[in-house]
Amino acid sequence: MKYILSTSFLAGLLFFGCGEGADKMDKEREIYETPIHELLDSVAKLEDSIMRIVNNPDDSKPQLLNVARQAYLEQLKLVYQTYPDHEQAPVCLSKIHMVYAGIGVHRYALQYGDTLIEKYPDFEGTPTIMSSMFSTYDVSIEPRDTVLAKKYLRMYLDNATDLSDEDRKGFELRLRNMDKTWEEWIEWNAQNLP
């Protein structure tokens, strides 16, 4: 009987204690949560800083650019993680994907691209990310992953509404010839297309 009472007491203590702690943590989070407009202002300022660094022929440019780029990525992630339902969340994921792809950190680019596609399928920039994911799997990943390249190319073709007929035919031809590496594909095009 004592065992049952002490177990019940401990369970109640844990239950109510955790509830109070969780409430306290939620309140603390509200206090320290940065308003979305401040985060977006910070992102815009970092974008401006990166552009000034890129356009300034200074000897310390690579170090400054790396620091600014890292701060930019962290701010974009913070916007997405803190405000996943905000209209700018998919924009931030798209920018994160593009920055990582641009600097050759393909695994992170693919992870953030997948997150964008999964969570925001109706975002207007999703087809662009699908195209980027296709080309990353087709050209940049070693070993090349034709299964995933085909998957993202099909997704892109299904979702891209602004493709010209000529571009669509070109992508469909690439899909049918995915067995060729990028170099083989370029050579094949030079020999077989007018």
N, C-alpha and C. Protein backbone atom coordinates (compact mmCIF):
# COMPACT_ATOMS: atom_id res chain seq x y z
N MET A 1 0.82 -1.19 0.00
CA MET A 1 0.00 0.00 0.00
C MET A 1 0.87 1.26 0.00
N LYS A 2 1.95 1.24 0.83
CA LYS A 2 2.85 2.39 0.87
C LYS A 2 3.48 2.60 -0.51
N TYR A 3 3.81 1.50 -1.20
CA TYR A 3 4.42 1.58 -2.53
C TYR A 3 3.47 2.27 -3.51
N ILE A 4 2.18 1.91 -3.45
CA ILE A 4 1.19 2.49 -4.35
C ILE A 4 1.02 3.97 -4.06
N LEU A 5 0.95 4.34 -2.78
CA LEU A 5 0.80 5.75 -2.41
C LEU A 5 2.02 6.56 -2.83
N SER A 6 3.22 6.03 -2.57
CA SER A 6 4.42 6.79 -2.93
C SER A 6 4.56 6.88 -4.45
N THR A 7 4.20 5.83 -5.17
CA THR A 7 4.24 5.88 -6.63
C THR A 7 3.24 6.89 -7.15
N SER A 8 2.04 6.90 -6.58
CA SER A 8 1.01 7.87 -6.99
C SER A 8 1.47 9.28 -6.69
N PHE A 9 2.08 9.48 -5.53
CA PHE A 9 2.57 10.80 -5.16
C PHE A 9 3.64 11.28 -6.14
N LEU A 10 4.61 10.39 -6.44
CA LEU A 10 5.68 10.75 -7.37
C LEU A 10 5.13 11.03 -8.77
N ALA A 11 4.19 10.21 -9.21
CA ALA A 11 3.59 10.43 -10.54
C ALA A 11 2.88 11.77 -10.57
N GLY A 12 2.14 12.08 -9.51
CA GLY A 12 1.44 13.37 -9.46
C GLY A 12 2.41 14.53 -9.42
N LEU A 13 3.48 14.38 -8.65
CA LEU A 13 4.50 15.41 -8.57
C LEU A 13 5.14 15.65 -9.93
N LEU A 14 5.48 14.57 -10.61
CA LEU A 14 6.07 14.69 -11.95
C LEU A 14 5.09 15.33 -12.92
N PHE A 15 3.85 14.90 -12.86
CA PHE A 15 2.85 15.41 -13.79
C PHE A 15 2.64 16.91 -13.58
N PHE A 16 2.39 17.30 -12.35
CA PHE A 16 2.13 18.72 -12.09
C PHE A 16 3.40 19.54 -12.18
N GLY A 17 4.51 18.95 -11.76
CA GLY A 17 5.78 19.67 -11.84
C GLY A 17 6.18 19.93 -13.27
N CYS A 18 6.02 18.94 -14.13
CA CYS A 18 6.36 19.12 -15.54
C CYS A 18 5.42 20.11 -16.19
N GLY A 19 4.18 20.08 -15.79
CA GLY A 19 3.22 21.03 -16.37
C GLY A 19 3.60 22.45 -16.05
N GLU A 20 4.00 22.71 -14.80
CA GLU A 20 4.40 24.06 -14.43
C GLU A 20 5.68 24.46 -15.16
N GLY A 21 6.63 23.52 -15.28
CA GLY A 21 7.88 23.81 -15.98
C GLY A 21 7.64 24.10 -17.44
N ALA A 22 6.74 23.34 -18.04
CA ALA A 22 6.44 23.57 -19.46
C ALA A 22 5.78 24.93 -19.64
N ASP A 23 4.86 25.29 -18.73
CA ASP A 23 4.23 26.61 -18.82
C ASP A 23 5.26 27.71 -18.67
N LYS A 24 6.18 27.53 -17.72
CA LYS A 24 7.22 28.52 -17.49
C LYS A 24 8.11 28.66 -18.72
N MET A 25 8.47 27.51 -19.33
CA MET A 25 9.31 27.54 -20.53
C MET A 25 8.58 28.25 -21.67
N ASP A 26 7.28 28.00 -21.84
CA ASP A 26 6.51 28.67 -22.88
C ASP A 26 6.52 30.18 -22.67
N LYS A 27 6.34 30.61 -21.42
CA LYS A 27 6.34 32.04 -21.13
C LYS A 27 7.71 32.65 -21.40
N GLU A 28 8.77 31.94 -21.00
CA GLU A 28 10.12 32.43 -21.27
C GLU A 28 10.37 32.52 -22.77
N ARG A 29 9.89 31.55 -23.50
CA ARG A 29 10.07 31.57 -24.95
C ARG A 29 9.38 32.78 -25.56
N GLU A 30 8.18 33.09 -25.08
CA GLU A 30 7.46 34.26 -25.58
C GLU A 30 8.25 35.53 -25.31
N ILE A 31 8.88 35.60 -24.14
CA ILE A 31 9.63 36.80 -23.77
C ILE A 31 10.83 36.98 -24.69
N TYR A 32 11.54 35.87 -25.00
CA TYR A 32 12.77 35.96 -25.77
C TYR A 32 12.57 35.80 -27.28
N GLU A 33 11.37 35.51 -27.71
CA GLU A 33 11.13 35.32 -29.13
C GLU A 33 11.19 36.67 -29.85
N THR A 34 12.01 36.74 -30.86
CA THR A 34 12.17 37.98 -31.62
C THR A 34 10.99 38.15 -32.56
N PRO A 35 10.41 39.34 -32.62
CA PRO A 35 9.30 39.57 -33.55
C PRO A 35 9.74 39.34 -35.00
N ILE A 36 8.82 38.86 -35.79
CA ILE A 36 9.12 38.50 -37.18
C ILE A 36 9.66 39.69 -37.97
N HIS A 37 9.12 40.88 -37.74
CA HIS A 37 9.60 42.03 -38.52
C HIS A 37 11.07 42.34 -38.21
N GLU A 38 11.50 42.10 -36.97
CA GLU A 38 12.90 42.32 -36.63
C GLU A 38 13.79 41.28 -37.31
N LEU A 39 13.35 40.04 -37.33
CA LEU A 39 14.13 38.99 -38.01
C LEU A 39 14.24 39.27 -39.50
N LEU A 40 13.14 39.66 -40.11
CA LEU A 40 13.16 39.94 -41.55
C LEU A 40 14.01 41.17 -41.86
N ASP A 41 13.98 42.18 -40.99
CA ASP A 41 14.86 43.34 -41.16
C ASP A 41 16.33 42.92 -41.10
N SER A 42 16.64 42.02 -40.16
CA SER A 42 18.00 41.51 -40.02
C SER A 42 18.43 40.75 -41.27
N VAL A 43 17.53 39.94 -41.82
CA VAL A 43 17.82 39.20 -43.05
C VAL A 43 18.12 40.17 -44.18
N ALA A 44 17.30 41.21 -44.32
CA ALA A 44 17.50 42.20 -45.39
C ALA A 44 18.84 42.92 -45.23
N LYS A 45 19.19 43.27 -44.00
CA LYS A 45 20.47 43.94 -43.75
C LYS A 45 21.64 43.02 -44.09
N LEU A 46 21.51 41.75 -43.74
CA LEU A 46 22.58 40.80 -44.08
C LEU A 46 22.70 40.61 -45.59
N GLU A 47 21.57 40.60 -46.30
CA GLU A 47 21.62 40.51 -47.76
C GLU A 47 22.36 41.71 -48.34
N ASP A 48 22.06 42.91 -47.80
CA ASP A 48 22.76 44.12 -48.26
C ASP A 48 24.26 44.03 -47.95
N SER A 49 24.59 43.54 -46.76
CA SER A 49 26.01 43.41 -46.38
C SER A 49 26.74 42.46 -47.31
N ILE A 50 26.11 41.36 -47.64
CA ILE A 50 26.74 40.39 -48.54
C ILE A 50 26.97 41.03 -49.91
N MET A 51 25.99 41.77 -50.40
CA MET A 51 26.16 42.42 -51.70
C MET A 51 27.28 43.46 -51.66
N ARG A 52 27.40 44.22 -50.58
CA ARG A 52 28.49 45.20 -50.47
C ARG A 52 29.84 44.49 -50.42
N ILE A 53 29.91 43.37 -49.71
CA ILE A 53 31.17 42.62 -49.63
C ILE A 53 31.55 42.08 -51.01
N VAL A 54 30.58 41.53 -51.71
CA VAL A 54 30.84 40.97 -53.03
C VAL A 54 31.31 42.05 -54.00
N ASN A 55 30.77 43.25 -53.88
CA ASN A 55 31.11 44.34 -54.80
C ASN A 55 32.31 45.18 -54.35
N ASN A 56 32.90 44.87 -53.19
CA ASN A 56 34.03 45.64 -52.68
C ASN A 56 35.31 44.84 -52.87
N PRO A 57 36.24 45.34 -53.67
CA PRO A 57 37.48 44.60 -53.92
C PRO A 57 38.47 44.74 -52.76
N ASP A 58 38.14 44.14 -51.62
CA ASP A 58 38.97 44.21 -50.42
C ASP A 58 39.71 42.89 -50.24
N ASP A 59 40.92 42.95 -49.68
CA ASP A 59 41.71 41.73 -49.48
C ASP A 59 41.05 40.76 -48.50
N SER A 60 40.27 41.28 -47.55
CA SER A 60 39.65 40.41 -46.55
C SER A 60 38.27 39.91 -46.99
N LYS A 61 37.94 40.13 -48.25
CA LYS A 61 36.62 39.78 -48.76
C LYS A 61 36.21 38.33 -48.49
N PRO A 62 37.03 37.32 -48.74
CA PRO A 62 36.57 35.94 -48.52
C PRO A 62 36.17 35.67 -47.07
N GLN A 63 36.94 36.18 -46.12
CA GLN A 63 36.61 35.95 -44.72
C GLN A 63 35.33 36.69 -44.34
N LEU A 64 35.21 37.93 -44.76
CA LEU A 64 34.00 38.71 -44.47
C LEU A 64 32.77 38.07 -45.11
N LEU A 65 32.93 37.62 -46.32
CA LEU A 65 31.82 36.99 -47.03
C LEU A 65 31.38 35.72 -46.31
N ASN A 66 32.32 34.91 -45.87
CA ASN A 66 31.97 33.68 -45.15
C ASN A 66 31.24 33.97 -43.85
N VAL A 67 31.70 34.96 -43.11
CA VAL A 67 31.06 35.33 -41.85
C VAL A 67 29.66 35.87 -42.12
N ALA A 68 29.54 36.75 -43.09
CA ALA A 68 28.23 37.33 -43.42
C ALA A 68 27.28 36.25 -43.93
N ARG A 69 27.78 35.35 -44.76
CA ARG A 69 26.94 34.28 -45.29
C ARG A 69 26.44 33.36 -44.16
N GLN A 70 27.31 33.04 -43.22
CA GLN A 70 26.92 32.19 -42.10
C GLN A 70 25.86 32.88 -41.24
N ALA A 71 26.05 34.17 -40.96
CA ALA A 71 25.06 34.92 -40.18
C ALA A 71 23.73 34.97 -40.93
N TYR A 72 23.79 35.15 -42.23
CA TYR A 72 22.60 35.19 -43.07
C TYR A 72 21.85 33.86 -42.99
N LEU A 73 22.57 32.75 -43.13
CA LEU A 73 21.94 31.43 -43.05
C LEU A 73 21.30 31.22 -41.68
N GLU A 74 21.98 31.63 -40.63
CA GLU A 74 21.43 31.46 -39.28
C GLU A 74 20.16 32.28 -39.10
N GLN A 75 20.13 33.49 -39.63
CA GLN A 75 18.92 34.32 -39.51
C GLN A 75 17.77 33.71 -40.32
N LEU A 76 18.06 33.22 -41.50
CA LEU A 76 17.02 32.58 -42.31
C LEU A 76 16.45 31.36 -41.59
N LYS A 77 17.34 30.56 -41.01
CA LYS A 77 16.89 29.38 -40.26
C LYS A 77 16.04 29.79 -39.07
N LEU A 78 16.44 30.86 -38.39
CA LEU A 78 15.70 31.33 -37.22
C LEU A 78 14.30 31.78 -37.61
N VAL A 79 14.17 32.48 -38.72
CA VAL A 79 12.83 32.90 -39.19
C VAL A 79 11.98 31.66 -39.44
N TYR A 80 12.52 30.69 -40.18
CA TYR A 80 11.75 29.48 -40.50
C TYR A 80 11.38 28.71 -39.23
N GLN A 81 12.34 28.50 -38.34
CA GLN A 81 12.10 27.70 -37.14
C GLN A 81 11.16 28.38 -36.16
N THR A 82 11.25 29.70 -36.06
CA THR A 82 10.43 30.42 -35.10
C THR A 82 9.04 30.69 -35.63
N TYR A 83 8.93 30.93 -36.92
CA TYR A 83 7.65 31.29 -37.53
C TYR A 83 7.36 30.41 -38.75
N PRO A 84 7.21 29.10 -38.55
CA PRO A 84 7.01 28.21 -39.71
C PRO A 84 5.71 28.47 -40.47
N ASP A 85 4.74 29.14 -39.86
CA ASP A 85 3.48 29.42 -40.54
C ASP A 85 3.45 30.79 -41.21
N HIS A 86 4.50 31.56 -41.05
CA HIS A 86 4.55 32.89 -41.66
C HIS A 86 4.80 32.75 -43.17
N GLU A 87 4.28 33.70 -43.93
CA GLU A 87 4.42 33.64 -45.39
C GLU A 87 5.88 33.69 -45.85
N GLN A 88 6.78 34.21 -45.01
CA GLN A 88 8.19 34.28 -45.38
C GLN A 88 8.97 33.00 -45.07
N ALA A 89 8.36 32.07 -44.33
CA ALA A 89 9.06 30.82 -43.98
C ALA A 89 9.51 30.05 -45.22
N PRO A 90 8.64 29.83 -46.22
CA PRO A 90 9.13 29.11 -47.41
C PRO A 90 10.15 29.91 -48.21
N VAL A 91 10.04 31.23 -48.18
CA VAL A 91 11.03 32.08 -48.85
C VAL A 91 12.40 31.86 -48.21
N CYS A 92 12.41 31.81 -46.88
CA CYS A 92 13.67 31.58 -46.16
C CYS A 92 14.25 30.21 -46.49
N LEU A 93 13.41 29.18 -46.52
CA LEU A 93 13.90 27.84 -46.88
C LEU A 93 14.48 27.84 -48.29
N SER A 94 13.82 28.53 -49.20
CA SER A 94 14.30 28.61 -50.57
C SER A 94 15.68 29.27 -50.62
N LYS A 95 15.84 30.36 -49.87
CA LYS A 95 17.13 31.06 -49.85
C LYS A 95 18.21 30.19 -49.20
N ILE A 96 17.86 29.49 -48.14
CA ILE A 96 18.83 28.59 -47.50
C ILE A 96 19.29 27.54 -48.50
N HIS A 97 18.33 26.94 -49.21
CA HIS A 97 18.66 25.93 -50.22
C HIS A 97 19.62 26.51 -51.26
N MET A 98 19.29 27.68 -51.77
CA MET A 98 20.10 28.28 -52.84
C MET A 98 21.50 28.67 -52.37
N VAL A 99 21.60 29.18 -51.14
CA VAL A 99 22.94 29.53 -50.63
C VAL A 99 23.79 28.28 -50.49
N TYR A 100 23.24 27.25 -49.87
CA TYR A 100 24.01 26.01 -49.71
C TYR A 100 24.37 25.41 -51.08
N ALA A 101 23.45 25.43 -52.01
CA ALA A 101 23.74 24.90 -53.35
C ALA A 101 24.83 25.75 -54.02
N GLY A 102 24.74 27.06 -53.84
CA GLY A 102 25.71 27.97 -54.46
C GLY A 102 27.12 27.81 -53.94
N ILE A 103 27.25 27.43 -52.68
CA ILE A 103 28.60 27.27 -52.12
C ILE A 103 29.05 25.81 -52.13
N GLY A 104 28.23 24.94 -52.73
CA GLY A 104 28.62 23.55 -52.92
C GLY A 104 28.40 22.65 -51.72
N VAL A 105 27.56 23.06 -50.78
CA VAL A 105 27.23 22.22 -49.63
C VAL A 105 25.92 21.52 -49.99
N HIS A 106 26.04 20.56 -50.88
CA HIS A 106 24.88 19.96 -51.52
C HIS A 106 23.98 19.17 -50.58
N ARG A 107 24.55 18.47 -49.63
CA ARG A 107 23.71 17.68 -48.71
C ARG A 107 22.75 18.58 -47.94
N TYR A 108 23.25 19.72 -47.43
CA TYR A 108 22.36 20.65 -46.73
C TYR A 108 21.36 21.28 -47.70
N ALA A 109 21.82 21.60 -48.89
CA ALA A 109 20.91 22.18 -49.89
C ALA A 109 19.76 21.22 -50.16
N LEU A 110 20.09 19.95 -50.31
CA LEU A 110 19.05 18.95 -50.58
C LEU A 110 18.11 18.77 -49.39
N GLN A 111 18.64 18.80 -48.18
CA GLN A 111 17.80 18.66 -46.99
C GLN A 111 16.80 19.81 -46.89
N TYR A 112 17.28 21.03 -47.06
CA TYR A 112 16.38 22.18 -46.96
C TYR A 112 15.42 22.23 -48.16
N GLY A 113 15.87 21.79 -49.32
CA GLY A 113 14.98 21.71 -50.47
C GLY A 113 13.85 20.72 -50.24
N ASP A 114 14.19 19.56 -49.70
CA ASP A 114 13.16 18.56 -49.38
C ASP A 114 12.16 19.09 -48.35
N THR A 115 12.66 19.80 -47.35
CA THR A 115 11.78 20.38 -46.34
C THR A 115 10.81 21.36 -46.98
N LEU A 116 11.31 22.20 -47.87
CA LEU A 116 10.46 23.17 -48.55
C LEU A 116 9.38 22.46 -49.38
N ILE A 117 9.79 21.48 -50.16
CA ILE A 117 8.84 20.76 -51.02
C ILE A 117 7.78 20.05 -50.19
N GLU A 118 8.21 19.45 -49.09
CA GLU A 118 7.28 18.69 -48.24
C GLU A 118 6.30 19.61 -47.50
N LYS A 119 6.81 20.68 -46.92
CA LYS A 119 5.97 21.52 -46.05
C LYS A 119 5.22 22.62 -46.79
N TYR A 120 5.74 23.05 -47.94
CA TYR A 120 5.13 24.16 -48.67
C TYR A 120 4.98 23.81 -50.15
N PRO A 121 4.22 22.77 -50.48
CA PRO A 121 4.13 22.34 -51.88
C PRO A 121 3.50 23.39 -52.80
N ASP A 122 2.72 24.30 -52.23
CA ASP A 122 2.05 25.32 -53.04
C ASP A 122 2.84 26.62 -53.14
N PHE A 123 4.01 26.69 -52.53
CA PHE A 123 4.85 27.88 -52.61
C PHE A 123 5.27 28.10 -54.05
N GLU A 124 5.18 29.34 -54.53
CA GLU A 124 5.44 29.61 -55.94
C GLU A 124 6.87 29.28 -56.38
N GLY A 125 7.81 29.27 -55.46
CA GLY A 125 9.20 28.96 -55.81
C GLY A 125 9.54 27.48 -55.75
N THR A 126 8.58 26.64 -55.39
CA THR A 126 8.84 25.21 -55.26
C THR A 126 9.34 24.58 -56.56
N PRO A 127 8.76 24.88 -57.73
CA PRO A 127 9.30 24.28 -58.96
C PRO A 127 10.78 24.64 -59.21
N THR A 128 11.18 25.83 -58.85
CA THR A 128 12.59 26.21 -59.00
C THR A 128 13.47 25.34 -58.13
N ILE A 129 13.02 25.07 -56.91
CA ILE A 129 13.78 24.20 -56.00
C ILE A 129 13.82 22.78 -56.56
N MET A 130 12.72 22.32 -57.13
CA MET A 130 12.68 20.98 -57.73
C MET A 130 13.70 20.87 -58.86
N SER A 131 13.79 21.91 -59.67
CA SER A 131 14.76 21.94 -60.76
C SER A 131 16.19 21.92 -60.21
N SER A 132 16.42 22.69 -59.17
CA SER A 132 17.73 22.72 -58.54
C SER A 132 18.09 21.35 -57.96
N MET A 133 17.12 20.71 -57.34
CA MET A 133 17.36 19.39 -56.75
C MET A 133 17.69 18.38 -57.86
N PHE A 134 16.94 18.46 -58.97
CA PHE A 134 17.23 17.59 -60.12
C PHE A 134 18.67 17.77 -60.58
N SER A 135 19.08 19.01 -60.81
CA SER A 135 20.43 19.23 -61.34
C SER A 135 21.50 18.85 -60.33
N THR A 136 21.20 19.02 -59.04
CA THR A 136 22.18 18.62 -58.02
C THR A 136 22.39 17.11 -58.06
N TYR A 137 21.30 16.35 -58.10
CA TYR A 137 21.43 14.89 -58.15
C TYR A 137 22.02 14.44 -59.49
N ASP A 138 21.77 15.18 -60.55
CA ASP A 138 22.25 14.79 -61.88
C ASP A 138 23.73 15.11 -62.07
N VAL A 139 24.18 16.24 -61.51
CA VAL A 139 25.52 16.72 -61.83
C VAL A 139 26.46 16.79 -60.62
N SER A 140 25.95 17.19 -59.47
CA SER A 140 26.84 17.58 -58.37
C SER A 140 27.12 16.51 -57.33
N ILE A 141 26.25 15.54 -57.18
CA ILE A 141 26.41 14.53 -56.15
C ILE A 141 27.26 13.37 -56.68
N GLU A 142 28.21 12.96 -55.88
CA GLU A 142 29.04 11.80 -56.22
C GLU A 142 28.78 10.71 -55.20
N PRO A 143 28.42 9.52 -55.58
CA PRO A 143 28.10 9.11 -56.94
C PRO A 143 26.75 9.68 -57.37
N ARG A 144 26.64 9.85 -58.64
CA ARG A 144 25.44 10.40 -59.25
C ARG A 144 24.24 9.53 -58.92
N ASP A 145 23.10 10.17 -58.61
CA ASP A 145 21.90 9.43 -58.22
C ASP A 145 20.80 9.67 -59.26
N THR A 146 20.75 8.78 -60.26
CA THR A 146 19.79 8.97 -61.35
C THR A 146 18.35 8.74 -60.91
N VAL A 147 18.14 7.90 -59.91
CA VAL A 147 16.78 7.65 -59.42
C VAL A 147 16.20 8.94 -58.85
N LEU A 148 16.98 9.61 -58.00
CA LEU A 148 16.49 10.86 -57.41
C LEU A 148 16.48 11.99 -58.44
N ALA A 149 17.43 11.99 -59.35
CA ALA A 149 17.42 13.01 -60.41
C ALA A 149 16.13 12.90 -61.23
N LYS A 150 15.75 11.68 -61.59
CA LYS A 150 14.50 11.47 -62.34
C LYS A 150 13.29 11.90 -61.51
N LYS A 151 13.29 11.55 -60.24
CA LYS A 151 12.17 11.91 -59.36
C LYS A 151 11.95 13.42 -59.35
N TYR A 152 13.03 14.18 -59.15
CA TYR A 152 12.87 15.64 -59.07
C TYR A 152 12.61 16.26 -60.42
N LEU A 153 13.13 15.67 -61.48
CA LEU A 153 12.83 16.20 -62.81
C LEU A 153 11.35 15.96 -63.14
N ARG A 154 10.82 14.79 -62.80
CA ARG A 154 9.39 14.54 -63.00
C ARG A 154 8.54 15.51 -62.18
N MET A 155 8.93 15.72 -60.93
CA MET A 155 8.21 16.66 -60.08
C MET A 155 8.24 18.07 -60.69
N TYR A 156 9.41 18.44 -61.18
CA TYR A 156 9.55 19.76 -61.80
C TYR A 156 8.63 19.88 -63.02
N LEU A 157 8.65 18.89 -63.88
CA LEU A 157 7.82 18.92 -65.08
C LEU A 157 6.33 18.95 -64.72
N ASP A 158 5.95 18.27 -63.65
CA ASP A 158 4.55 18.27 -63.22
C ASP A 158 4.12 19.60 -62.60
N ASN A 159 5.05 20.36 -62.06
CA ASN A 159 4.71 21.57 -61.32
C ASN A 159 5.08 22.88 -62.00
N ALA A 160 5.98 22.83 -62.97
CA ALA A 160 6.43 24.06 -63.64
C ALA A 160 5.39 24.49 -64.66
N THR A 161 4.75 25.59 -64.39
CA THR A 161 3.68 26.07 -65.29
C THR A 161 4.20 27.07 -66.32
N ASP A 162 5.40 27.57 -66.12
CA ASP A 162 5.90 28.62 -67.01
C ASP A 162 6.95 28.13 -68.01
N LEU A 163 7.04 26.82 -68.20
CA LEU A 163 8.01 26.28 -69.16
C LEU A 163 7.52 26.46 -70.59
N SER A 164 8.41 26.88 -71.45
CA SER A 164 8.05 26.95 -72.86
C SER A 164 7.97 25.51 -73.40
N ASP A 165 7.29 25.33 -74.51
CA ASP A 165 7.19 23.99 -75.12
C ASP A 165 8.57 23.43 -75.44
N GLU A 166 9.46 24.30 -75.92
CA GLU A 166 10.81 23.87 -76.27
C GLU A 166 11.58 23.40 -75.03
N ASP A 167 11.48 24.16 -73.95
CA ASP A 167 12.17 23.76 -72.71
C ASP A 167 11.58 22.47 -72.15
N ARG A 168 10.27 22.34 -72.18
CA ARG A 168 9.62 21.13 -71.68
C ARG A 168 10.09 19.91 -72.48
N LYS A 169 10.16 20.05 -73.81
CA LYS A 169 10.64 18.94 -74.65
C LYS A 169 12.09 18.59 -74.32
N GLY A 170 12.90 19.61 -74.06
CA GLY A 170 14.30 19.38 -73.70
C GLY A 170 14.43 18.61 -72.39
N PHE A 171 13.64 19.01 -71.39
CA PHE A 171 13.68 18.30 -70.10
C PHE A 171 13.14 16.87 -70.23
N GLU A 172 12.10 16.70 -71.04
CA GLU A 172 11.56 15.35 -71.25
C GLU A 172 12.58 14.46 -71.96
N LEU A 173 13.32 15.05 -72.91
CA LEU A 173 14.38 14.31 -73.60
C LEU A 173 15.49 13.93 -72.61
N ARG A 174 15.82 14.85 -71.72
CA ARG A 174 16.83 14.55 -70.70
C ARG A 174 16.35 13.42 -69.80
N LEU A 175 15.07 13.43 -69.45
CA LEU A 175 14.49 12.39 -68.60
C LEU A 175 14.63 11.02 -69.26
N ARG A 176 14.38 10.97 -70.57
CA ARG A 176 14.49 9.69 -71.29
C ARG A 176 15.95 9.24 -71.46
N ASN A 177 16.89 10.17 -71.30
CA ASN A 177 18.31 9.84 -71.50
C ASN A 177 19.12 10.04 -70.21
N MET A 178 18.49 9.77 -69.10
CA MET A 178 19.14 9.99 -67.81
C MET A 178 20.31 9.02 -67.57
N ASP A 179 20.39 7.97 -68.37
CA ASP A 179 21.51 7.04 -68.23
C ASP A 179 22.83 7.70 -68.62
N LYS A 180 22.76 8.79 -69.39
CA LYS A 180 23.97 9.50 -69.80
C LYS A 180 24.40 10.48 -68.71
N THR A 181 25.70 10.55 -68.45
CA THR A 181 26.21 11.56 -67.52
C THR A 181 26.02 12.93 -68.17
N TRP A 182 26.24 13.97 -67.40
CA TRP A 182 26.07 15.33 -67.93
C TRP A 182 26.98 15.55 -69.13
N GLU A 183 28.22 15.11 -69.04
CA GLU A 183 29.18 15.28 -70.14
C GLU A 183 28.73 14.49 -71.37
N GLU A 184 28.29 13.25 -71.15
CA GLU A 184 27.79 12.43 -72.27
C GLU A 184 26.55 13.06 -72.89
N TRP A 185 25.71 13.64 -72.05
CA TRP A 185 24.49 14.29 -72.53
C TRP A 185 24.82 15.48 -73.42
N ILE A 186 25.77 16.29 -73.01
CA ILE A 186 26.18 17.46 -73.82
C ILE A 186 26.75 16.98 -75.16
N GLU A 187 27.59 15.97 -75.12
CA GLU A 187 28.18 15.43 -76.35
C GLU A 187 27.08 14.84 -77.26
N TRP A 188 26.16 14.10 -76.66
CA TRP A 188 25.06 13.51 -77.44
C TRP A 188 24.20 14.60 -78.08
N ASN A 189 23.92 15.66 -77.34
CA ASN A 189 23.16 16.79 -77.89
C ASN A 189 23.87 17.42 -79.07
N ALA A 190 25.17 17.61 -78.94
CA ALA A 190 25.95 18.22 -80.03
C ALA A 190 25.90 17.39 -81.29
N GLN A 191 25.85 16.06 -81.14
CA GLN A 191 25.85 15.18 -82.31
C GLN A 191 24.45 14.93 -82.88
N ASN A 192 23.41 15.02 -82.04
CA ASN A 192 22.09 14.57 -82.49
C ASN A 192 21.02 15.66 -82.64
N LEU A 193 21.27 16.81 -82.12
CA LEU A 193 20.24 17.86 -82.23
C LEU A 193 20.69 18.92 -83.22
N PRO A 194 19.72 19.51 -83.92
CA PRO A 194 20.09 20.52 -84.92
C PRO A 194 20.63 21.79 -84.30
